[in-house]
PDB file of all heavy atoms in Angstrom:
ATOM      1  N   PHE A   1      -6.150  26.867   9.430  1.00  0.00           N
ATOM      2  CA  PHE A   1      -6.982  25.743   9.853  1.00  0.00           C
ATOM      3  C   PHE A   1      -6.497  24.446   9.222  1.00  0.00           C
ATOM      4  O   PHE A   1      -6.374  23.425   9.901  1.00  0.00           O
ATOM      5  CB  PHE A   1      -8.445  25.994   9.485  1.00  0.00           C
ATOM      6  CG  PHE A   1      -9.330  24.811   9.737  1.00  0.00           C
ATOM      7  CD1 PHE A   1      -9.671  24.445  11.025  1.00  0.00           C
ATOM      8  CD2 PHE A   1      -9.806  24.044   8.687  1.00  0.00           C
ATOM      9  CE1 PHE A   1     -10.478  23.344  11.269  1.00  0.00           C
ATOM     10  CE2 PHE A   1     -10.611  22.944   8.908  1.00  0.00           C
ATOM     11  CZ  PHE A   1     -10.944  22.588  10.213  1.00  0.00           C
ATOM     12  N   LEU A   2      -6.210  24.474   7.922  1.00  0.00           N
ATOM     13  CA  LEU A   2      -5.743  23.263   7.238  1.00  0.00           C
ATOM     14  C   LEU A   2      -4.411  22.773   7.797  1.00  0.00           C
ATOM     15  O   LEU A   2      -4.193  21.564   7.942  1.00  0.00           O
ATOM     16  CB  LEU A   2      -5.644  23.508   5.730  1.00  0.00           C
ATOM     17  CG  LEU A   2      -6.978  23.741   5.020  1.00  0.00           C
ATOM     18  CD1 LEU A   2      -6.752  24.099   3.554  1.00  0.00           C
ATOM     19  CD2 LEU A   2      -7.891  22.527   5.151  1.00  0.00           C
ATOM     20  N   LEU A   3      -3.533  23.692   8.150  1.00  0.00           N
ATOM     21  CA  LEU A   3      -2.263  23.298   8.770  1.00  0.00           C
ATOM     22  C   LEU A   3      -2.497  22.646  10.134  1.00  0.00           C
ATOM     23  O   LEU A   3      -1.814  21.696  10.512  1.00  0.00           O
ATOM     24  CB  LEU A   3      -1.326  24.498   8.889  1.00  0.00           C
ATOM     25  CG  LEU A   3      -0.701  24.966   7.572  1.00  0.00           C
ATOM     26  CD1 LEU A   3       0.031  26.285   7.759  1.00  0.00           C
ATOM     27  CD2 LEU A   3       0.244  23.903   7.020  1.00  0.00           C
ATOM     28  N   THR A   4      -3.479  23.140  10.865  1.00  0.00           N
ATOM     29  CA  THR A   4      -3.806  22.527  12.147  1.00  0.00           C
ATOM     30  C   THR A   4      -4.374  21.128  11.952  1.00  0.00           C
ATOM     31  O   THR A   4      -4.093  20.222  12.741  1.00  0.00           O
ATOM     32  CB  THR A   4      -4.794  23.411  12.936  1.00  0.00           C
ATOM     33  OG1 THR A   4      -4.211  24.702  13.115  1.00  0.00           O
ATOM     34  CG2 THR A   4      -5.105  22.818  14.300  1.00  0.00           C
ATOM     35  N   VAL A   5      -5.162  20.925  10.905  1.00  0.00           N
ATOM     36  CA  VAL A   5      -5.674  19.578  10.603  1.00  0.00           C
ATOM     37  C   VAL A   5      -4.504  18.642  10.296  1.00  0.00           C
ATOM     38  O   VAL A   5      -4.466  17.500  10.775  1.00  0.00           O
ATOM     39  CB  VAL A   5      -6.682  19.619   9.431  1.00  0.00           C
ATOM     40  CG1 VAL A   5      -7.032  18.224   8.952  1.00  0.00           C
ATOM     41  CG2 VAL A   5      -7.944  20.370   9.847  1.00  0.00           C
ATOM     42  N   ILE A   6      -3.526  19.119   9.534  1.00  0.00           N
ATOM     43  CA  ILE A   6      -2.336  18.310   9.246  1.00  0.00           C
ATOM     44  C   ILE A   6      -1.589  18.002  10.539  1.00  0.00           C
ATOM     45  O   ILE A   6      -1.148  16.864  10.760  1.00  0.00           O
ATOM     46  CB  ILE A   6      -1.432  19.024   8.227  1.00  0.00           C
ATOM     47  CG1 ILE A   6      -2.128  19.080   6.866  1.00  0.00           C
ATOM     48  CG2 ILE A   6      -0.068  18.339   8.111  1.00  0.00           C
ATOM     49  CD1 ILE A   6      -1.462  19.995   5.865  1.00  0.00           C
ATOM     50  N   ALA A   7      -1.465  18.998  11.414  1.00  0.00           N
ATOM     51  CA  ALA A   7      -0.807  18.788  12.706  1.00  0.00           C
ATOM     52  C   ALA A   7      -1.554  17.740  13.524  1.00  0.00           C
ATOM     53  O   ALA A   7      -0.934  16.890  14.179  1.00  0.00           O
ATOM     54  CB  ALA A   7      -0.713  20.106  13.485  1.00  0.00           C
ATOM     55  N   ALA A   8      -2.875  17.756  13.477  1.00  0.00           N
ATOM     56  CA  ALA A   8      -3.677  16.776  14.210  1.00  0.00           C
ATOM     57  C   ALA A   8      -3.456  15.370  13.656  1.00  0.00           C
ATOM     58  O   ALA A   8      -3.334  14.404  14.420  1.00  0.00           O
ATOM     59  CB  ALA A   8      -5.158  17.145  14.145  1.00  0.00           C
ATOM     60  N   LEU A   9      -3.400  15.256  12.337  1.00  0.00           N
ATOM     61  CA  LEU A   9      -3.157  13.949  11.729  1.00  0.00           C
ATOM     62  C   LEU A   9      -1.776  13.419  12.108  1.00  0.00           C
ATOM     63  O   LEU A   9      -1.615  12.223  12.396  1.00  0.00           O
ATOM     64  CB  LEU A   9      -3.295  14.040  10.204  1.00  0.00           C
ATOM     65  CG  LEU A   9      -4.707  14.299   9.686  1.00  0.00           C
ATOM     66  CD1 LEU A   9      -4.674  14.600   8.185  1.00  0.00           C
ATOM     67  CD2 LEU A   9      -5.618  13.122   9.988  1.00  0.00           C
ATOM     68  N   LEU A  10      -0.790  14.288  12.119  1.00  0.00           N
ATOM     69  CA  LEU A  10       0.553  13.875  12.535  1.00  0.00           C
ATOM     70  C   LEU A  10       0.577  13.466  14.003  1.00  0.00           C
ATOM     71  O   LEU A  10       1.226  12.484  14.370  1.00  0.00           O
ATOM     72  CB  LEU A  10       1.559  15.003  12.274  1.00  0.00           C
ATOM     73  CG  LEU A  10       1.892  15.262  10.808  1.00  0.00           C
ATOM     74  CD1 LEU A  10       2.663  16.569  10.655  1.00  0.00           C
ATOM     75  CD2 LEU A  10       2.687  14.099  10.233  1.00  0.00           C
ATOM     76  N   ALA A  11      -0.148  14.198  14.836  1.00  0.00           N
ATOM     77  CA  ALA A  11      -0.214  13.843  16.259  1.00  0.00           C
ATOM     78  C   ALA A  11      -0.882  12.494  16.441  1.00  0.00           C
ATOM     79  O   ALA A  11      -0.454  11.681  17.265  1.00  0.00           O
ATOM     80  CB  ALA A  11      -0.966  14.924  17.042  1.00  0.00           C
ATOM     81  N   ALA A  12      -1.916  12.220  15.660  1.00  0.00           N
ATOM     82  CA  ALA A  12      -2.611  10.933  15.748  1.00  0.00           C
ATOM     83  C   ALA A  12      -1.690   9.781  15.357  1.00  0.00           C
ATOM     84  O   ALA A  12      -1.864   8.655  15.827  1.00  0.00           O
ATOM     85  CB  ALA A  12      -3.851  10.944  14.854  1.00  0.00           C
ATOM     86  N   GLN A  13      -0.699  10.057  14.512  1.00  0.00           N
ATOM     87  CA  GLN A  13       0.258   9.039  14.103  1.00  0.00           C
ATOM     88  C   GLN A  13       1.448   8.949  15.048  1.00  0.00           C
ATOM     89  O   GLN A  13       2.346   8.146  14.831  1.00  0.00           O
ATOM     90  CB  GLN A  13       0.748   9.321  12.679  1.00  0.00           C
ATOM     91  CG  GLN A  13      -0.342   9.245  11.646  1.00  0.00           C
ATOM     92  CD  GLN A  13       0.112   9.741  10.284  1.00  0.00           C
ATOM     93  OE1 GLN A  13       1.224  10.227  10.108  1.00  0.00           O
ATOM     94  NE2 GLN A  13      -0.767   9.611   9.296  1.00  0.00           N
ATOM     95  N   GLY A  14       1.472   9.805  16.056  1.00  0.00           N
ATOM     96  CA  GLY A  14       2.554   9.786  17.034  1.00  0.00           C
ATOM     97  C   GLY A  14       3.754  10.639  16.653  1.00  0.00           C
ATOM     98  O   GLY A  14       4.774  10.617  17.332  1.00  0.00           O
ATOM     99  N   ALA A  15       3.655  11.402  15.576  1.00  0.00           N
ATOM    100  CA  ALA A  15       4.749  12.276  15.144  1.00  0.00           C
ATOM    101  C   ALA A  15       4.582  13.636  15.821  1.00  0.00           C
ATOM    102  O   ALA A  15       4.253  14.640  15.181  1.00  0.00           O
ATOM    103  CB  ALA A  15       4.745  12.408  13.624  1.00  0.00           C
ATOM    104  N   TYR A  16       4.822  13.664  17.130  1.00  0.00           N
ATOM    105  CA  TYR A  16       4.515  14.850  17.918  1.00  0.00           C
ATOM    106  C   TYR A  16       5.400  16.046  17.587  1.00  0.00           C
ATOM    107  O   TYR A  16       4.940  17.179  17.580  1.00  0.00           O
ATOM    108  CB  TYR A  16       4.581  14.535  19.406  1.00  0.00           C
ATOM    109  CG  TYR A  16       3.563  13.506  19.808  1.00  0.00           C
ATOM    110  CD1 TYR A  16       3.959  12.242  20.241  1.00  0.00           C
ATOM    111  CD2 TYR A  16       2.201  13.774  19.707  1.00  0.00           C
ATOM    112  CE1 TYR A  16       3.016  11.288  20.592  1.00  0.00           C
ATOM    113  CE2 TYR A  16       1.256  12.833  20.048  1.00  0.00           C
ATOM    114  CZ  TYR A  16       1.676  11.594  20.490  1.00  0.00           C
ATOM    115  OH  TYR A  16       0.742  10.656  20.821  1.00  0.00           O
ATOM    116  N   PHE A  17       6.682  15.808  17.306  1.00  0.00           N
ATOM    117  CA  PHE A  17       7.562  16.934  16.982  1.00  0.00           C
ATOM    118  C   PHE A  17       7.120  17.585  15.675  1.00  0.00           C
ATOM    119  O   PHE A  17       6.984  18.806  15.596  1.00  0.00           O
ATOM    120  CB  PHE A  17       9.026  16.488  16.899  1.00  0.00           C
ATOM    121  CG  PHE A  17       9.956  17.622  16.582  1.00  0.00           C
ATOM    122  CD1 PHE A  17      10.314  18.523  17.574  1.00  0.00           C
ATOM    123  CD2 PHE A  17      10.434  17.821  15.300  1.00  0.00           C
ATOM    124  CE1 PHE A  17      11.143  19.597  17.291  1.00  0.00           C
ATOM    125  CE2 PHE A  17      11.262  18.889  15.001  1.00  0.00           C
ATOM    126  CZ  PHE A  17      11.632  19.782  16.006  1.00  0.00           C
ATOM    127  N   LYS A  18       6.909  16.769  14.636  1.00  0.00           N
ATOM    128  CA  LYS A  18       6.443  17.305  13.352  1.00  0.00           C
ATOM    129  C   LYS A  18       5.100  18.009  13.527  1.00  0.00           C
ATOM    130  O   LYS A  18       4.864  19.068  12.952  1.00  0.00           O
ATOM    131  CB  LYS A  18       6.306  16.191  12.323  1.00  0.00           C
ATOM    132  CG  LYS A  18       7.624  15.633  11.852  1.00  0.00           C
ATOM    133  CD  LYS A  18       7.388  14.509  10.860  1.00  0.00           C
ATOM    134  CE  LYS A  18       8.699  13.861  10.453  1.00  0.00           C
ATOM    135  NZ  LYS A  18       8.486  12.727   9.549  1.00  0.00           N
ATOM    136  N   SER A  19       4.234  17.408  14.317  1.00  0.00           N
ATOM    137  CA  SER A  19       2.932  18.000  14.588  1.00  0.00           C
ATOM    138  C   SER A  19       3.090  19.378  15.227  1.00  0.00           C
ATOM    139  O   SER A  19       2.414  20.332  14.834  1.00  0.00           O
ATOM    140  CB  SER A  19       2.126  17.083  15.507  1.00  0.00           C
ATOM    141  OG  SER A  19       0.923  17.705  15.903  1.00  0.00           O
ATOM    142  N   GLY A  20       3.982  19.482  16.190  1.00  0.00           N
ATOM    143  CA  GLY A  20       4.220  20.754  16.867  1.00  0.00           C
ATOM    144  C   GLY A  20       4.750  21.826  15.938  1.00  0.00           C
ATOM    145  O   GLY A  20       4.321  22.984  15.995  1.00  0.00           O
ATOM    146  N   VAL A  21       5.674  21.430  15.044  1.00  0.00           N
ATOM    147  CA  VAL A  21       6.238  22.391  14.088  1.00  0.00           C
ATOM    148  C   VAL A  21       5.141  22.904  13.156  1.00  0.00           C
ATOM    149  O   VAL A  21       5.008  24.122  12.937  1.00  0.00           O
ATOM    150  CB  VAL A  21       7.397  21.749  13.290  1.00  0.00           C
ATOM    151  CG1 VAL A  21       7.825  22.646  12.133  1.00  0.00           C
ATOM    152  CG2 VAL A  21       8.582  21.465  14.210  1.00  0.00           C
ATOM    153  N   ILE A  22       4.344  21.989  12.613  1.00  0.00           N
ATOM    154  CA  ILE A  22       3.254  22.389  11.709  1.00  0.00           C
ATOM    155  C   ILE A  22       2.236  23.250  12.454  1.00  0.00           C
ATOM    156  O   ILE A  22       1.728  24.241  11.923  1.00  0.00           O
ATOM    157  CB  ILE A  22       2.567  21.148  11.093  1.00  0.00           C
ATOM    158  CG1 ILE A  22       3.551  20.355  10.237  1.00  0.00           C
ATOM    159  CG2 ILE A  22       1.334  21.541  10.276  1.00  0.00           C
ATOM    160  CD1 ILE A  22       4.082  21.079   9.029  1.00  0.00           C
ATOM    161  N   PHE A  23       1.951  22.902  13.710  1.00  0.00           N
ATOM    162  CA  PHE A  23       0.999  23.688  14.498  1.00  0.00           C
ATOM    163  C   PHE A  23       1.501  25.114  14.709  1.00  0.00           C
ATOM    164  O   PHE A  23       0.728  26.076  14.599  1.00  0.00           O
ATOM    165  CB  PHE A  23       0.720  23.013  15.844  1.00  0.00           C
ATOM    166  CG  PHE A  23      -0.189  23.820  16.720  1.00  0.00           C
ATOM    167  CD1 PHE A  23      -1.534  23.928  16.423  1.00  0.00           C
ATOM    168  CD2 PHE A  23       0.311  24.488  17.819  1.00  0.00           C
ATOM    169  CE1 PHE A  23      -2.382  24.688  17.220  1.00  0.00           C
ATOM    170  CE2 PHE A  23      -0.521  25.247  18.609  1.00  0.00           C
ATOM    171  CZ  PHE A  23      -1.871  25.349  18.313  1.00  0.00           C
ATOM    172  N   VAL A  24       2.793  25.272  15.001  1.00  0.00           N
ATOM    173  CA  VAL A  24       3.351  26.611  15.200  1.00  0.00           C
ATOM    174  C   VAL A  24       3.253  27.423  13.911  1.00  0.00           C
ATOM    175  O   VAL A  24       2.902  28.613  13.939  1.00  0.00           O
ATOM    176  CB  VAL A  24       4.810  26.530  15.709  1.00  0.00           C
ATOM    177  CG1 VAL A  24       5.502  27.877  15.640  1.00  0.00           C
ATOM    178  CG2 VAL A  24       4.834  25.991  17.134  1.00  0.00           C
ATOM    179  N   ILE A  25       3.538  26.795  12.776  1.00  0.00           N
ATOM    180  CA  ILE A  25       3.410  27.490  11.495  1.00  0.00           C
ATOM    181  C   ILE A  25       1.952  27.898  11.259  1.00  0.00           C
ATOM    182  O   ILE A  25       1.663  29.025  10.848  1.00  0.00           O
ATOM    183  CB  ILE A  25       3.944  26.622  10.339  1.00  0.00           C
ATOM    184  CG1 ILE A  25       5.454  26.427  10.499  1.00  0.00           C
ATOM    185  CG2 ILE A  25       3.626  27.258   8.983  1.00  0.00           C
ATOM    186  CD1 ILE A  25       6.049  25.359   9.602  1.00  0.00           C
ATOM    187  N   GLY A  26       1.023  26.987  11.551  1.00  0.00           N
ATOM    188  CA  GLY A  26      -0.395  27.302  11.411  1.00  0.00           C
ATOM    189  C   GLY A  26      -0.821  28.433  12.336  1.00  0.00           C
ATOM    190  O   GLY A  26      -1.662  29.264  11.981  1.00  0.00           O
ATOM    191  N   SER A  27      -0.225  28.470  13.527  1.00  0.00           N
ATOM    192  CA  SER A  27      -0.548  29.539  14.479  1.00  0.00           C
ATOM    193  C   SER A  27      -0.099  30.900  13.964  1.00  0.00           C
ATOM    194  O   SER A  27      -0.736  31.916  14.254  1.00  0.00           O
ATOM    195  CB  SER A  27       0.113  29.255  15.830  1.00  0.00           C
ATOM    196  OG  SER A  27      -0.432  28.084  16.389  1.00  0.00           O
ATOM    197  N   LEU A  28       0.992  30.914  13.198  1.00  0.00           N
ATOM    198  CA  LEU A  28       1.441  32.175  12.608  1.00  0.00           C
ATOM    199  C   LEU A  28       0.378  32.704  11.637  1.00  0.00           C
ATOM    200  O   LEU A  28       0.073  33.896  11.634  1.00  0.00           O
ATOM    201  CB  LEU A  28       2.773  31.986  11.886  1.00  0.00           C
ATOM    202  CG  LEU A  28       3.314  33.207  11.157  1.00  0.00           C
ATOM    203  CD1 LEU A  28       3.590  34.354  12.120  1.00  0.00           C
ATOM    204  CD2 LEU A  28       4.576  32.855  10.395  1.00  0.00           C
ATOM    205  N   PHE A  29      -0.200  31.807  10.846  1.00  0.00           N
ATOM    206  CA  PHE A  29      -1.269  32.224   9.940  1.00  0.00           C
ATOM    207  C   PHE A  29      -2.454  32.763  10.733  1.00  0.00           C
ATOM    208  O   PHE A  29      -3.073  33.743  10.353  1.00  0.00           O
ATOM    209  CB  PHE A  29      -1.716  31.061   9.044  1.00  0.00           C
ATOM    210  CG  PHE A  29      -0.795  30.799   7.896  1.00  0.00           C
ATOM    211  CD1 PHE A  29       0.295  29.964   8.043  1.00  0.00           C
ATOM    212  CD2 PHE A  29      -1.017  31.396   6.667  1.00  0.00           C
ATOM    213  CE1 PHE A  29       1.148  29.719   6.987  1.00  0.00           C
ATOM    214  CE2 PHE A  29      -0.166  31.165   5.597  1.00  0.00           C
ATOM    215  CZ  PHE A  29       0.929  30.321   5.767  1.00  0.00           C
ATOM    216  N   ASP A  30      -2.757  32.106  11.854  1.00  0.00           N
ATOM    217  CA  ASP A  30      -3.872  32.554  12.686  1.00  0.00           C
ATOM    218  C   ASP A  30      -3.595  33.930  13.288  1.00  0.00           C
ATOM    219  O   ASP A  30      -4.498  34.745  13.427  1.00  0.00           O
ATOM    220  CB  ASP A  30      -4.144  31.527  13.787  1.00  0.00           C
ATOM    221  CG  ASP A  30      -5.388  31.863  14.571  1.00  0.00           C
ATOM    222  OD1 ASP A  30      -6.422  32.211  13.952  1.00  0.00           O
ATOM    223  OD2 ASP A  30      -5.342  31.797  15.817  1.00  0.00           O
ATOM    224  N   ALA A  31      -2.336  34.177  13.636  1.00  0.00           N
ATOM    225  CA  ALA A  31      -1.982  35.487  14.187  1.00  0.00           C
ATOM    226  C   ALA A  31      -2.027  36.572  13.116  1.00  0.00           C
ATOM    227  O   ALA A  31      -2.318  37.736  13.406  1.00  0.00           O
ATOM    228  CB  ALA A  31      -0.587  35.431  14.810  1.00  0.00           C
ATOM    229  N   LEU A  32      -1.756  36.179  11.870  1.00  0.00           N
ATOM    230  CA  LEU A  32      -1.691  37.162  10.791  1.00  0.00           C
ATOM    231  C   LEU A  32      -3.040  37.553  10.214  1.00  0.00           C
ATOM    232  O   LEU A  32      -3.205  38.669   9.725  1.00  0.00           O
ATOM    233  CB  LEU A  32      -0.824  36.618   9.656  1.00  0.00           C
ATOM    234  CG  LEU A  32       0.669  36.817   9.788  1.00  0.00           C
ATOM    235  CD1 LEU A  32       1.393  36.046   8.698  1.00  0.00           C
ATOM    236  CD2 LEU A  32       1.019  38.285   9.713  1.00  0.00           C
ATOM    237  N   ASP A  33      -4.012  36.642  10.249  1.00  0.00           N
ATOM    238  CA  ASP A  33      -5.260  36.919   9.531  1.00  0.00           C
ATOM    239  C   ASP A  33      -5.958  38.182  10.012  1.00  0.00           C
ATOM    240  O   ASP A  33      -6.381  39.013   9.206  1.00  0.00           O
ATOM    241  CB  ASP A  33      -6.199  35.711   9.513  1.00  0.00           C
ATOM    242  CG  ASP A  33      -6.586  35.216  10.902  1.00  0.00           C
ATOM    243  OD1 ASP A  33      -6.213  35.848  11.907  1.00  0.00           O
ATOM    244  OD2 ASP A  33      -7.249  34.168  10.971  1.00  0.00           O
ATOM    245  N   GLY A  34      -6.064  38.359  11.293  1.00  0.00           N
ATOM    246  CA  GLY A  34      -6.712  39.562  11.825  1.00  0.00           C
ATOM    247  C   GLY A  34      -5.910  40.820  11.545  1.00  0.00           C
ATOM    248  O   GLY A  34      -6.474  41.880  11.251  1.00  0.00           O
ATOM    249  N   THR A  35      -4.583  40.692  11.627  1.00  0.00           N
ATOM    250  CA  THR A  35      -3.726  41.844  11.364  1.00  0.00           C
ATOM    251  C   THR A  35      -3.815  42.256   9.897  1.00  0.00           C
ATOM    252  O   THR A  35      -3.892  43.445   9.581  1.00  0.00           O
ATOM    253  CB  THR A  35      -2.265  41.517  11.747  1.00  0.00           C
ATOM    254  OG1 THR A  35      -2.232  41.019  13.084  1.00  0.00           O
ATOM    255  CG2 THR A  35      -1.384  42.738  11.654  1.00  0.00           C
ATOM    256  N   VAL A  36      -3.827  41.267   8.991  1.00  0.00           N
ATOM    257  CA  VAL A  36      -3.969  41.570   7.565  1.00  0.00           C
ATOM    258  C   VAL A  36      -5.317  42.250   7.307  1.00  0.00           C
ATOM    259  O   VAL A  36      -5.399  43.216   6.542  1.00  0.00           O
ATOM    260  CB  VAL A  36      -3.812  40.287   6.702  1.00  0.00           C
ATOM    261  CG1 VAL A  36      -4.244  40.530   5.265  1.00  0.00           C
ATOM    262  CG2 VAL A  36      -2.372  39.803   6.740  1.00  0.00           C
ATOM    263  N   ALA A  37      -6.368  41.767   7.958  1.00  0.00           N
ATOM    264  CA  ALA A  37      -7.692  42.383   7.784  1.00  0.00           C
ATOM    265  C   ALA A  37      -7.682  43.836   8.258  1.00  0.00           C
ATOM    266  O   ALA A  37      -8.221  44.721   7.583  1.00  0.00           O
ATOM    267  CB  ALA A  37      -8.749  41.578   8.532  1.00  0.00           C
ATOM    268  N   ARG A  38      -7.069  44.079   9.413  1.00  0.00           N
ATOM    269  CA  ARG A  38      -7.020  45.436   9.954  1.00  0.00           C
ATOM    270  C   ARG A  38      -6.166  46.352   9.082  1.00  0.00           C
ATOM    271  O   ARG A  38      -6.590  47.445   8.707  1.00  0.00           O
ATOM    272  CB  ARG A  38      -6.449  45.423  11.372  1.00  0.00           C
ATOM    273  CG  ARG A  38      -7.450  45.574  12.444  1.00  0.00           C
ATOM    274  CD  ARG A  38      -6.851  45.760  13.830  1.00  0.00           C
ATOM    275  NE  ARG A  38      -5.605  45.049  14.090  1.00  0.00           N
ATOM    276  CZ  ARG A  38      -5.510  43.758  14.435  1.00  0.00           C
ATOM    277  NH1 ARG A  38      -6.591  43.026  14.521  1.00  0.00           N
ATOM    278  NH2 ARG A  38      -4.351  43.208  14.670  1.00  0.00           N
TER     279      ARG A  38
END
């Protein structure tokens, strides 16, 4: 979630590529949380 907030702040500043990279990294954490729990 925090990485997505950082991605949103970067997007608001117009740094779309950096925002996308951070968002993809954050998405990996989102994909892992349920798997780690299971």
